[in-house]
C-alpha cells in the first residue's frame, strides 16, 4: 500500500474520514444528549415540567423509542442501496433528525411523540449509510480499515460526552425543552460540515456506486410484475450470491444474535441504571449536586480513554490478536462482570431508608462495560463492511443494527421490573445472561470463523 500524497490524509487516513467523524459526532451529540435525560423527563412530575409517567410507562416509552431507532436502519439501508444513494440518505436523515429535536422543544404531548417518530425515521436513513461510507473510504484489503472505524467510534463518543454534559445540564438544571432544542442545534452543525466536506467523500461514493452496478436487474420489464414474478426475481437475486458470500452473510447473522444480547445489558444505562443513579446514588460531588444524567458521561469518557489502549494492544499482539468472534465473547464477558459488580451496590442501596450509594459503583461498572463495548461495537461495524457483498453493504449494516433494536427492547423490558424486583436480583439476572452468552460464544469460535472465510 503506497503512502497517500501530502495533504490528502487525516491522521494517516482518507480525508473523508474527518467529514464522517464530525457528522457522526454531532448526530450522537443530539441522540445521547436527549437519551441521557429522556426517562427522567418522562417520569418527572408535571409540576416540575415533566410528563408525570410512572416508571413502567416511562420505561416503555424509552424502550420503544431507543429500539425503533435501531429498527429503521434496515429500511434506510435498502433505500440507499436501491434508490437514494448513501450521501443523500445521510443528508436527508440528518435533516429529519434535527426537525425532530426541535419539535420536542415544544411543550405538548403530541409534539413529544411526533418528535420521537421523526428522530426514529431520520436515524434509520443516517446510521447504516454513514457507516457504509466509512468502510468504503478504503480499498478491499486496506489494513487501515479497522483503525479507521476505531477513530470513527471516537467521534461517536466525543459527541455522546458533549451531549450528555451539555444537553443534560440544560434539561435538568434550566428547562427540559431547552435540552431538546440543544440536541437539534448539534445535529444542524453536523449537517453544515457534512455538506461542506462532500468532496472528500467522493472516493467512497464512487466505490459504492461501482458496487451497486453489480446488482442484478430485478425490475424486469417496465410493466409492473405480479406477485409470482416478484418472488421469482427475489429468488434469482438470492441465487446471485456465491457460496462464499452466503457463508459470510450467515456469519453476520450469528454476530447479530450475540450483539443483541450484549446491547440488552448495555442499553440499560438509559433506563435501569439511569433510574438507579437518580434515586439511589449520592450525586453530591465536592459540594455540587450534579445532574444524574451526567453519570452516563462515564461511558464515552472511558471509550475515549481506552480506545487508544486497546488499539495499541491489538497491534502489539500481532498474529495473536483475537478474532472478531473472540472479541464479541470478551465484550459479553465484560458486561456480565459489570452487572455482577452492581449486585452488592443494589443490596446496599435497598438496605435501609434513605441510603444512597457512592457513584463509584456506577463509574466502575461503566468502565468495565466500555472495555466490552470497544471489543464488540466498532469490531462489529468493521466486520460487516468486510463480510457483506458490496452491493448490499448498507442493507447488511441495517441488519446488524437490528441487534441494537432487539437489545433495546430487552433493556426496556428489563427496566420495567425496576421497583418491583430487588435491585440485586435484577442486576444478578442480567449478569447471568451476559456471562452465559459469553461462554456460548467462546464455544462457537471455530464454527463462526469458518463461516467468515478468512476474515478476522
Protein backbone atom coordinates (compact mmCIF):
# COMPACT_ATOMS: atom_id res chain seq x y z
CA UNK A 1 0.00 0.00 0.00
CA UNK A 2 1.55 3.31 -1.08
CA UNK A 3 1.55 6.37 1.16
CA UNK A 4 -1.09 8.98 0.41
CA UNK A 5 0.15 12.24 -1.11
CA UNK A 6 0.82 15.10 1.38
CA UNK A 7 -2.33 16.91 2.48
CA UNK A 8 -4.61 14.12 1.28
CA UNK A 9 -4.81 12.24 4.59
CA UNK A 10 -6.21 12.82 8.06
CA UNK A 11 -4.06 11.18 10.73
CA UNK A 12 -2.91 8.72 8.06
CA UNK A 13 -6.47 8.00 6.88
CA UNK A 14 -8.55 9.27 3.93
CA UNK A 15 -9.66 12.87 4.50
CA UNK A 16 -13.27 11.83 4.09
CA UNK A 17 -12.98 10.19 7.49
CA UNK A 18 -12.83 13.65 9.11
CA UNK A 19 -16.13 14.65 7.45
CA UNK A 20 -17.86 11.48 8.62
CA UNK A 21 -16.22 11.71 12.07
CA UNK A 22 -17.71 15.16 12.75
CA UNK A 23 -21.09 14.32 11.17
CA UNK A 24 -21.45 11.31 13.44
CA UNK A 25 -20.07 13.26 16.40
CA UNK A 26 -22.85 15.85 16.17
CA UNK A 27 -25.53 13.27 15.43
CA UNK A 28 -24.51 11.34 18.54
CA UNK A 29 -24.42 14.65 20.48
CA UNK A 30 -28.10 15.01 19.64
CA UNK A 31 -29.01 11.35 20.29
CA UNK A 32 -27.15 10.72 23.54
CA UNK A 33 -27.77 14.23 24.83
CA UNK A 34 -31.52 13.63 24.69
CA UNK A 35 -31.33 9.93 25.60
CA UNK A 36 -29.48 10.83 28.79
CA UNK A 37 -32.49 12.57 30.31
CA UNK A 38 -35.44 11.09 28.38
CA UNK A 39 -36.67 8.70 31.11
CA UNK A 40 -36.06 11.37 33.77
CA UNK A 41 -38.23 13.83 31.83
CA UNK A 42 -40.92 11.21 31.21
CA UNK A 43 -41.13 10.27 34.92
CA UNK A 44 -40.70 13.78 36.35
CA UNK A 45 -43.84 15.30 37.86
CA UNK A 46 -45.97 17.66 35.81
CA UNK A 47 -45.27 20.35 38.43
CA UNK A 48 -41.55 20.21 37.56
CA UNK A 49 -42.21 20.30 33.81
CA UNK A 50 -42.11 16.54 33.18
CA UNK A 51 -44.75 14.22 31.75
CA UNK A 52 -45.68 12.59 35.06
CA UNK A 53 -45.46 8.99 33.78
CA UNK A 54 -44.90 6.17 36.26
CA UNK A 55 -41.68 4.15 35.91
CA UNK A 56 -43.24 1.35 33.90
CA UNK A 57 -44.83 3.78 31.43
CA UNK A 58 -41.67 5.87 31.17
CA UNK A 59 -39.53 2.76 30.64
CA UNK A 60 -41.94 1.64 27.92
CA UNK A 61 -41.58 4.96 26.06
CA UNK A 62 -37.79 4.76 26.25
CA UNK A 63 -37.88 1.09 25.19
CA UNK A 64 -39.92 1.70 22.05
CA UNK A 65 -38.03 4.86 21.13
CA UNK A 66 -34.50 3.53 21.57
CA UNK A 67 -35.34 0.20 19.95
CA UNK A 68 -37.12 1.78 16.98
CA UNK A 69 -34.08 3.98 16.34
CA UNK A 70 -32.24 0.74 15.52
CA UNK A 71 -35.10 -0.92 13.62
CA UNK A 72 -35.43 1.63 10.82
CA UNK A 73 -31.80 1.38 9.58
CA UNK A 74 -32.63 -1.80 7.66
CA UNK A 75 -35.15 0.23 5.61
CA UNK A 76 -32.71 3.12 5.34
CA UNK A 77 -30.00 0.76 4.08
CA UNK A 78 -32.34 -0.71 1.46
CA UNK A 79 -33.44 2.74 0.25
CA UNK A 80 -29.84 3.88 -0.07
CA UNK A 81 -28.66 0.74 -1.88
CA UNK A 82 -31.51 0.79 -4.40
CA UNK A 83 -32.72 4.39 -4.74
CA UNK A 84 -31.23 7.33 -2.84
CA UNK A 85 -27.55 6.52 -2.54
CA UNK A 86 -25.57 6.85 0.68
CA UNK A 87 -24.75 10.57 0.55
CA UNK A 88 -28.33 11.78 0.06
CA UNK A 89 -29.65 9.30 2.62
CA UNK A 90 -27.36 10.67 5.33
CA UNK A 91 -28.22 14.27 4.42
CA UNK A 92 -31.98 13.66 4.42
CA UNK A 93 -31.76 11.62 7.62
CA UNK A 94 -29.86 14.36 9.42
CA UNK A 95 -32.41 16.98 8.39
CA UNK A 96 -35.28 14.85 9.72
CA UNK A 97 -33.41 14.24 12.99
CA UNK A 98 -32.84 17.98 13.50
CA UNK A 99 -36.53 18.74 12.86
CA UNK A 100 -37.45 16.01 15.33
CA UNK A 101 -35.37 17.50 18.15
CA UNK A 102 -36.74 20.99 17.52
CA UNK A 103 -40.26 19.52 17.57
CA UNK A 104 -39.52 18.06 21.02
CA UNK A 105 -38.74 21.59 22.22
CA UNK A 106 -42.45 22.44 22.10
CA UNK A 107 -44.30 21.76 25.36
CA UNK A 108 -47.09 19.40 24.35
CA UNK A 109 -47.63 15.65 24.37
CA UNK A 110 -48.38 15.48 20.58
CA UNK A 111 -45.13 17.29 19.77
CA UNK A 112 -43.27 14.95 22.12
CA UNK A 113 -44.36 11.80 20.30
CA UNK A 114 -44.10 13.45 16.85
CA UNK A 115 -40.52 14.47 17.60
CA UNK A 116 -39.58 10.95 18.67
CA UNK A 117 -41.06 9.48 15.48
CA UNK A 118 -39.11 11.95 13.31
CA UNK A 119 -35.83 11.10 15.06
CA UNK A 120 -36.50 7.40 14.57
CA UNK A 121 -37.11 7.86 10.83
CA UNK A 122 -34.11 10.15 10.35
CA UNK A 123 -31.75 7.86 12.22
CA UNK A 124 -32.85 4.97 10.02
CA UNK A 125 -31.58 6.83 6.98
CA UNK A 126 -28.38 8.13 8.57
CA UNK A 127 -26.90 5.33 10.68
CA UNK A 128 -26.31 2.44 8.24
CA UNK A 129 -25.21 4.67 5.40
CA UNK A 130 -22.65 6.74 7.25
CA UNK A 131 -21.04 3.51 8.48
CA UNK A 132 -21.10 2.10 4.94
CA UNK A 133 -19.31 5.21 3.70
CA UNK A 134 -16.62 4.82 6.36
CA UNK A 135 -15.88 1.30 5.15
CA UNK A 136 -15.90 2.43 1.52
CA UNK A 137 -13.20 5.03 2.14
CA UNK A 138 -10.77 2.10 2.00
CA UNK A 139 -9.90 -0.38 -0.73
CA UNK A 140 -10.50 -4.07 -0.08
CA UNK A 141 -7.61 -5.41 1.98
CA UNK A 142 -6.57 -1.99 3.30
CA UNK A 143 -5.16 -2.72 6.76
CA UNK A 144 -6.23 0.73 7.99
CA UNK A 145 -9.95 -0.07 7.90
CA UNK A 146 -10.30 -1.36 11.48
CA UNK A 147 -8.28 1.58 12.79
CA UNK A 148 -10.46 3.92 10.75
CA UNK A 149 -13.57 2.54 12.42
CA UNK A 150 -11.92 2.98 15.81
CA UNK A 151 -11.30 6.66 15.02
CA UNK A 152 -14.88 6.98 13.77
CA UNK A 153 -16.03 5.40 17.02
CA UNK A 154 -14.10 8.06 18.91
CA UNK A 155 -16.30 10.64 17.16
CA UNK A 156 -19.39 8.82 18.39
CA UNK A 157 -18.18 9.04 21.96
CA UNK A 158 -16.90 12.61 21.85
CA UNK A 159 -20.38 13.58 20.67
CA UNK A 160 -22.03 11.43 23.32
CA UNK A 161 -19.95 13.02 26.09
CA UNK A 162 -20.63 16.58 24.93
CA UNK A 163 -24.35 15.85 24.50
CA UNK A 164 -24.77 14.26 27.93
CA UNK A 165 -22.92 17.11 29.65
CA UNK A 166 -24.38 19.99 27.62
CA UNK A 167 -27.94 18.98 26.80
CA UNK A 168 -28.25 17.04 30.07
CA UNK A 169 -27.29 20.06 32.16
CA UNK A 170 -29.63 22.38 30.25
CA UNK A 171 -32.50 19.89 30.62
CA UNK A 172 -32.11 19.13 34.34
CA UNK A 173 -30.83 22.49 35.57
CA UNK A 174 -32.58 25.00 33.28
CA UNK A 175 -35.52 23.58 31.30
CA UNK A 176 -36.26 20.18 29.81
CA UNK A 177 -37.23 21.64 26.44
CA UNK A 178 -34.10 23.77 26.10
CA UNK A 179 -32.20 20.48 26.41
CA UNK A 180 -34.22 19.08 23.49
CA UNK A 181 -33.52 22.19 21.40
CA UNK A 182 -29.78 21.97 22.14
CA UNK A 183 -29.77 18.46 20.66
CA UNK A 184 -31.32 19.87 17.47
CA UNK A 185 -28.62 22.56 17.24
CA UNK A 186 -25.97 19.85 17.44
CA UNK A 187 -27.43 17.91 14.53
CA UNK A 188 -27.66 21.10 12.46
CA UNK A 189 -23.95 21.80 12.99
CA UNK A 190 -23.16 18.28 11.87
CA UNK A 191 -25.12 18.73 8.63
CA UNK A 192 -23.38 22.01 7.79
CA UNK A 193 -19.91 20.49 7.91
CA UNK A 194 -21.17 17.36 6.10
CA UNK A 195 -22.27 19.40 3.08
CA UNK A 196 -19.05 21.45 3.12
CA UNK A 197 -16.93 18.27 3.18
CA UNK A 198 -18.76 16.40 0.41
CA UNK A 199 -15.77 16.49 -1.94
CA UNK A 200 -13.69 14.45 0.49
CA UNK A 201 -16.24 11.64 0.31
CA UNK A 202 -16.12 11.19 -3.48
CA UNK A 203 -13.75 8.17 -3.50
CA UNK A 204 -16.07 6.31 -1.09
CA UNK A 205 -19.17 7.28 -3.09
CA UNK A 206 -17.52 6.08 -6.32
CA UNK A 207 -16.78 2.68 -4.78
CA UNK A 208 -20.37 2.36 -3.55
CA UNK A 209 -21.75 3.27 -6.99
CA UNK A 210 -19.46 0.68 -8.58
CA UNK A 211 -20.72 -1.93 -6.12
CA UNK A 212 -24.36 -1.13 -6.87
CA UNK A 213 -23.66 -1.54 -10.58
CA UNK A 214 -23.35 -5.29 -9.98
CA UNK A 215 -26.88 -5.62 -8.57
CA UNK A 216 -28.99 -7.78 -10.92
CA UNK A 217 -31.91 -6.06 -12.60
CA UNK A 218 -34.81 -7.44 -10.59
CA UNK A 219 -37.21 -4.97 -12.09
CA UNK A 220 -37.56 -6.85 -15.35
CA UNK A 221 -39.62 -5.01 -17.95
CA UNK A 222 -41.28 -1.65 -17.47
CA UNK A 223 -44.60 -3.34 -16.71
CA UNK A 224 -45.34 -3.93 -13.03
CA UNK A 225 -44.67 -7.63 -12.30
CA UNK A 226 -47.17 -9.75 -10.43
CA UNK A 227 -46.55 -11.45 -7.08
CA UNK A 228 -45.29 -14.64 -8.72
CA UNK A 229 -42.85 -12.72 -10.90
CA UNK A 230 -41.62 -10.73 -7.92
CA UNK A 231 -40.98 -13.94 -5.96
CA UNK A 232 -39.01 -15.38 -8.90
CA UNK A 233 -37.00 -12.16 -9.13
CA UNK A 234 -36.27 -12.32 -5.41
CA UNK A 235 -35.18 -15.95 -5.72
CA UNK A 236 -32.92 -15.09 -8.67
CA UNK A 237 -31.40 -12.28 -6.60
CA UNK A 238 -30.73 -14.67 -3.68
CA UNK A 239 -29.09 -17.19 -6.07
CA UNK A 240 -26.87 -14.43 -7.45
CA UNK A 241 -24.70 -14.69 -4.31
CA UNK A 242 -21.81 -17.12 -4.34
CA UNK A 243 -21.46 -19.85 -1.75
CA UNK A 244 -18.69 -17.91 -0.04
CA UNK A 245 -20.87 -14.79 0.11
CA UNK A 246 -23.73 -16.75 1.66
CA UNK A 247 -21.44 -18.10 4.37
CA UNK A 248 -20.22 -14.63 5.20
CA UNK A 249 -23.77 -13.30 5.33
CA UNK A 250 -24.60 -16.15 7.73
CA UNK A 251 -21.65 -15.07 9.91
CA UNK A 252 -23.16 -11.57 10.12
CA UNK A 253 -26.39 -13.08 11.45
CA UNK A 254 -24.52 -15.08 14.10
CA UNK A 255 -22.72 -11.95 15.27
CA UNK A 256 -26.10 -10.19 15.25
CA UNK A 257 -27.55 -12.62 17.85
CA UNK A 258 -24.72 -12.16 20.33
CA UNK A 259 -24.58 -8.40 19.76
CA UNK A 260 -28.30 -8.24 20.66
CA UNK A 261 -27.63 -9.94 23.99
CA UNK A 262 -24.79 -7.51 24.67
CA UNK A 263 -26.96 -4.46 23.96
CA UNK A 264 -29.76 -5.89 26.09
CA UNK A 265 -27.49 -5.39 29.11
CA UNK A 266 -25.52 -2.36 27.95
CA UNK A 267 -28.51 -0.20 26.96
CA UNK A 268 -29.91 -0.35 30.49
CA UNK A 269 -27.73 2.72 31.01
CA UNK A 270 -30.62 4.76 29.60
CA UNK A 271 -33.24 3.20 31.85
CA UNK A 272 -32.41 0.88 34.78
CA UNK A 273 -29.03 2.41 35.60
CA UNK A 274 -30.27 5.95 34.91
CA UNK A 275 -33.04 5.49 37.49
CA UNK A 276 -30.54 3.86 39.86
CA UNK A 277 -28.31 6.94 39.51
CA UNK A 278 -31.22 9.34 40.05
CA UNK A 279 -32.86 7.59 43.03
CA UNK A 280 -30.17 5.60 44.83
CA UNK A 281 -26.84 7.32 44.12
CA UNK A 282 -25.18 10.15 46.04
CA UNK A 283 -24.86 12.93 43.45
CA UNK A 284 -23.08 15.43 45.70
CA UNK A 285 -19.61 15.88 44.22
CA UNK A 286 -17.39 18.34 46.13
CA UNK A 287 -20.45 20.24 47.32
CA UNK A 288 -22.15 20.41 43.90
CA UNK A 289 -25.26 18.36 43.14
CA UNK A 290 -24.56 17.07 39.65
CA UNK A 291 -27.38 16.16 37.24
CA UNK A 292 -27.96 12.41 37.48
CA UNK A 293 -27.71 12.11 33.69
CA UNK A 294 -24.06 13.16 33.93
CA UNK A 295 -23.04 9.75 35.25
CA UNK A 296 -23.73 8.37 31.78
CA UNK A 297 -20.86 10.52 30.53
CA UNK A 298 -18.52 7.99 32.13
CA UNK A 299 -19.24 5.70 29.17
CA UNK A 300 -17.94 7.99 26.40
CA UNK A 301 -15.08 9.20 28.62
CA UNK A 302 -13.92 5.63 29.07
CA UNK A 303 -14.22 4.88 25.36
CA UNK A 304 -12.12 7.94 24.51
CA UNK A 305 -9.58 6.94 27.16
CA UNK A 306 -9.44 3.22 26.49
CA UNK A 307 -9.78 3.11 22.68
CA UNK A 308 -6.11 4.02 22.07
CA UNK A 309 -5.03 1.49 24.69
CA UNK A 310 -6.96 -1.36 23.05
CA UNK A 311 -5.85 -0.25 19.57
CA UNK A 312 -2.22 -0.43 20.79
CA UNK A 313 -2.90 -3.83 22.38
CA UNK A 314 -4.31 -5.33 19.17
CA UNK A 315 -1.27 -4.13 17.22
CA UNK A 316 1.06 -5.37 19.94
CA UNK A 317 -0.49 -8.84 19.85
CA UNK A 318 0.03 -9.07 16.10
CA UNK A 319 -0.94 -12.55 14.85
CA UNK A 320 -2.18 -13.41 18.36
CA UNK A 321 -4.86 -10.69 18.17
CA UNK A 322 -8.29 -12.20 18.98
CA UNK A 323 -10.63 -12.73 16.04
CA UNK A 324 -13.86 -10.74 15.75
CA UNK A 325 -15.97 -13.55 17.32
CA UNK A 326 -13.49 -13.82 20.19
CA UNK A 327 -13.77 -10.08 20.79
CA UNK A 328 -17.56 -10.45 20.88
CA UNK A 329 -17.17 -13.10 23.60
CA UNK A 330 -14.88 -10.78 25.57
CA UNK A 331 -17.44 -7.97 25.23
CA UNK A 332 -20.20 -10.13 26.71
CA UNK A 333 -17.88 -11.28 29.49
CA UNK A 334 -17.14 -7.67 30.46
CA UNK A 335 -20.82 -6.72 30.52
CA UNK A 336 -21.62 -9.69 32.75
CA UNK A 337 -18.84 -8.72 35.16
CA UNK A 338 -20.08 -5.10 35.25
CA UNK A 339 -23.56 -6.14 36.36
CA UNK A 340 -22.14 -8.68 38.77
CA UNK A 341 -20.25 -5.80 40.40
CA UNK A 342 -23.53 -3.89 40.82
CA UNK A 343 -25.20 -6.70 42.80
CA UNK A 344 -23.69 -5.57 46.16
CA UNK A 345 -24.44 -1.95 45.23
CA UNK A 346 -28.11 -2.90 44.86
CA UNK A 347 -28.06 -4.65 48.25
CA UNK A 348 -26.57 -1.58 49.94
CA UNK A 349 -28.96 0.85 48.23
CA UNK A 350 -32.04 -1.04 49.39
CA UNK A 351 -30.60 -1.97 52.76
CA UNK A 352 -32.24 0.92 54.60
CA UNK A 353 -34.38 4.02 54.10
CA UNK A 354 -32.62 7.00 52.54
CA UNK A 355 -29.34 5.21 51.79
CA UNK A 356 -27.55 6.49 48.70
CA UNK A 357 -24.53 4.61 47.39
CA UNK A 358 -21.29 6.06 46.09
CA UNK A 359 -21.26 6.97 42.38
CA UNK A 360 -18.03 4.99 42.13
CA UNK A 361 -20.11 1.80 41.83
CA UNK A 362 -21.54 3.06 38.53
CA UNK A 363 -18.21 4.52 37.44
CA UNK A 364 -16.55 1.13 37.90
CA UNK A 365 -19.39 -0.77 36.18
CA UNK A 366 -19.44 1.61 33.21
CA UNK A 367 -15.66 1.34 32.87
CA UNK A 368 -15.80 -2.46 32.64
CA UNK A 369 -18.72 -2.22 30.21
CA UNK A 370 -16.76 0.12 27.94
CA UNK A 371 -13.92 -2.38 27.60
CA UNK A 372 -16.61 -4.76 26.39
CA UNK A 373 -18.15 -2.22 24.03
CA UNK A 374 -14.78 -1.48 22.44
CA UNK A 375 -14.29 -5.20 21.88
CA UNK A 376 -17.69 -5.58 20.23
CA UNK A 377 -19.21 -2.50 18.65
CA UNK A 378 -16.51 -0.98 16.36
CA UNK A 379 -15.31 -4.52 15.61
CA UNK A 380 -18.83 -5.48 14.55
CA UNK A 381 -19.19 -2.45 12.27
CA UNK A 382 -15.87 -3.18 10.61
CA UNK A 383 -16.64 -6.90 10.27
CA UNK A 384 -19.95 -6.19 8.47
CA UNK A 385 -18.26 -3.97 5.88
CA UNK A 386 -15.72 -6.76 5.26
CA UNK A 387 -18.18 -9.66 5.23
CA UNK A 388 -21.13 -8.15 3.33
CA UNK A 389 -21.10 -8.14 -0.50
CA UNK A 390 -20.53 -4.55 -1.66
CA UNK A 391 -23.86 -4.38 -3.46
CA UNK A 392 -25.80 -4.89 -0.21
CA UNK A 393 -23.38 -3.41 2.33
CA UNK A 394 -25.84 -0.75 3.60
CA UNK A 395 -28.64 -3.31 3.82
CA UNK A 396 -26.44 -5.67 5.83
CA UNK A 397 -25.36 -2.79 8.06
CA UNK A 398 -29.06 -2.18 8.69
CA UNK A 399 -29.50 -5.87 9.55
CA UNK A 400 -26.61 -5.66 12.01
CA UNK A 401 -28.14 -2.56 13.62
CA UNK A 402 -31.24 -4.67 14.30
CA UNK A 403 -29.16 -6.15 17.11
CA UNK A 404 -29.39 -2.75 18.81
CA UNK A 405 -33.15 -2.76 18.20
CA UNK A 406 -33.59 -6.13 19.84
CA UNK A 407 -31.15 -5.24 22.62
CA UNK A 408 -33.01 -2.02 23.43
CA UNK A 409 -36.29 -3.94 23.58
CA UNK A 410 -34.69 -6.35 26.05
CA UNK A 411 -33.20 -3.46 28.05
CA UNK A 412 -36.54 -1.61 28.22
CA UNK A 413 -38.41 -4.77 29.17
CA UNK A 414 -35.89 -5.37 31.95
CA UNK A 415 -36.25 -1.78 33.18
CA UNK A 416 -39.96 -2.40 33.68
CA UNK A 417 -39.01 -4.54 36.71
CA UNK A 418 -37.29 -1.59 38.38
CA UNK A 419 -39.18 -1.03 41.61
CA UNK A 420 -40.99 -4.37 41.56
CA UNK A 421 -37.88 -6.58 41.79
CA UNK A 422 -34.99 -6.23 44.26
CA UNK A 423 -32.11 -4.43 42.56
CA UNK A 424 -29.60 -7.14 43.48
CA UNK A 425 -31.79 -9.73 41.76
CA UNK A 426 -32.33 -7.52 38.70
CA UNK A 427 -28.60 -6.91 38.30
CA UNK A 428 -27.80 -10.57 39.02
CA UNK A 429 -30.11 -11.94 36.32
CA UNK A 430 -28.63 -9.54 33.76
CA UNK A 431 -25.12 -10.64 34.76
CA UNK A 432 -26.03 -14.33 34.45
CA UNK A 433 -27.47 -13.94 30.93
CA UNK A 434 -24.43 -11.99 29.71
CA UNK A 435 -21.92 -14.42 31.20
CA UNK A 436 -23.83 -17.39 29.79
CA UNK A 437 -23.83 -15.83 26.31
CA UNK A 438 -20.07 -15.24 26.59
CA UNK A 439 -19.47 -18.93 27.31
CA UNK A 440 -21.59 -19.98 24.30
CA UNK A 441 -19.73 -17.54 22.03
CA UNK A 442 -16.37 -18.93 23.14
CA UNK A 443 -17.61 -22.44 22.31
CA UNK A 444 -18.70 -21.34 18.80
CA UNK A 445 -15.47 -19.54 17.87
CA UNK A 446 -14.18 -22.04 15.31
CA UNK A 447 -17.52 -22.66 13.51
CA UNK A 448 -18.09 -18.90 13.14
CA UNK A 449 -14.55 -18.35 11.91
CA UNK A 450 -15.11 -20.99 9.22
CA UNK A 451 -18.21 -19.10 8.06
CA UNK A 452 -16.19 -15.89 7.86
CA UNK A 453 -13.84 -17.48 5.34
CA UNK A 454 -10.56 -15.90 6.40
CA UNK A 455 -11.98 -12.53 7.51
CA UNK A 456 -10.83 -11.80 11.07
